[in-house]
Amino acid sequence: MAQSPELLRRLLRAKDRMDRASHEAWPIHRLAHVSAVSASHFARSFKEAFGVPPHRYLLTRRIERAVALLRDTDLPITDIAFQTGWKSLGTFGRIFRDITGENPGQLRARERSSPDDRENVPECMVRAADRPDLKMAVLEKRRKTSVERMDRSSTEDLL
């Protein structure tokens, strides 16, 4: 079902607000208010328009920002967690690891140890390459990873 241009503009308004202030809390009712629609209509329409639910989109933006800060600054990981909107360092670390596959300290060490040729690559390409993969919910991704680990260990036991 195609969405009206007016609704898409309203959804983009909410998406732009999340982009500008991803460190803030963005519950569905607040985003719906920005878009001037009901909360349930907003959640359905956002996912239909952008392919991911609003919360997952916000997580992606926060992780993208955290990766950039880890790579480009010497800020402590705790400061980065709070600057990117996390209330708990433990939650930040767990979700960061679930999405990127490594903890913040490992990512920072890897980024700093490899030679940086990013200045020769257009910024849009760098951002696309660094974008976290959040095609599925974080809990679903965590569950899938643990099942894969169990399958590998049972296969290794057979050998």
Foldseek 3Di string as FASTA:
>chain_A
DDDDPLLVVLLVQLVVVCLVCLQDDDDLCNSCVSSVHHSVVSQVVNCVVPVDGPVLSSVQSLLLQLLCCLLPHPDDSVVSCNSSHHPDSVVQQLLNCLFPVDGSVVSSVVSVVDDDPCVVPDPVVVSVVSGTDPNDPSVVSVVVVVVVVVVVVVVVVVD
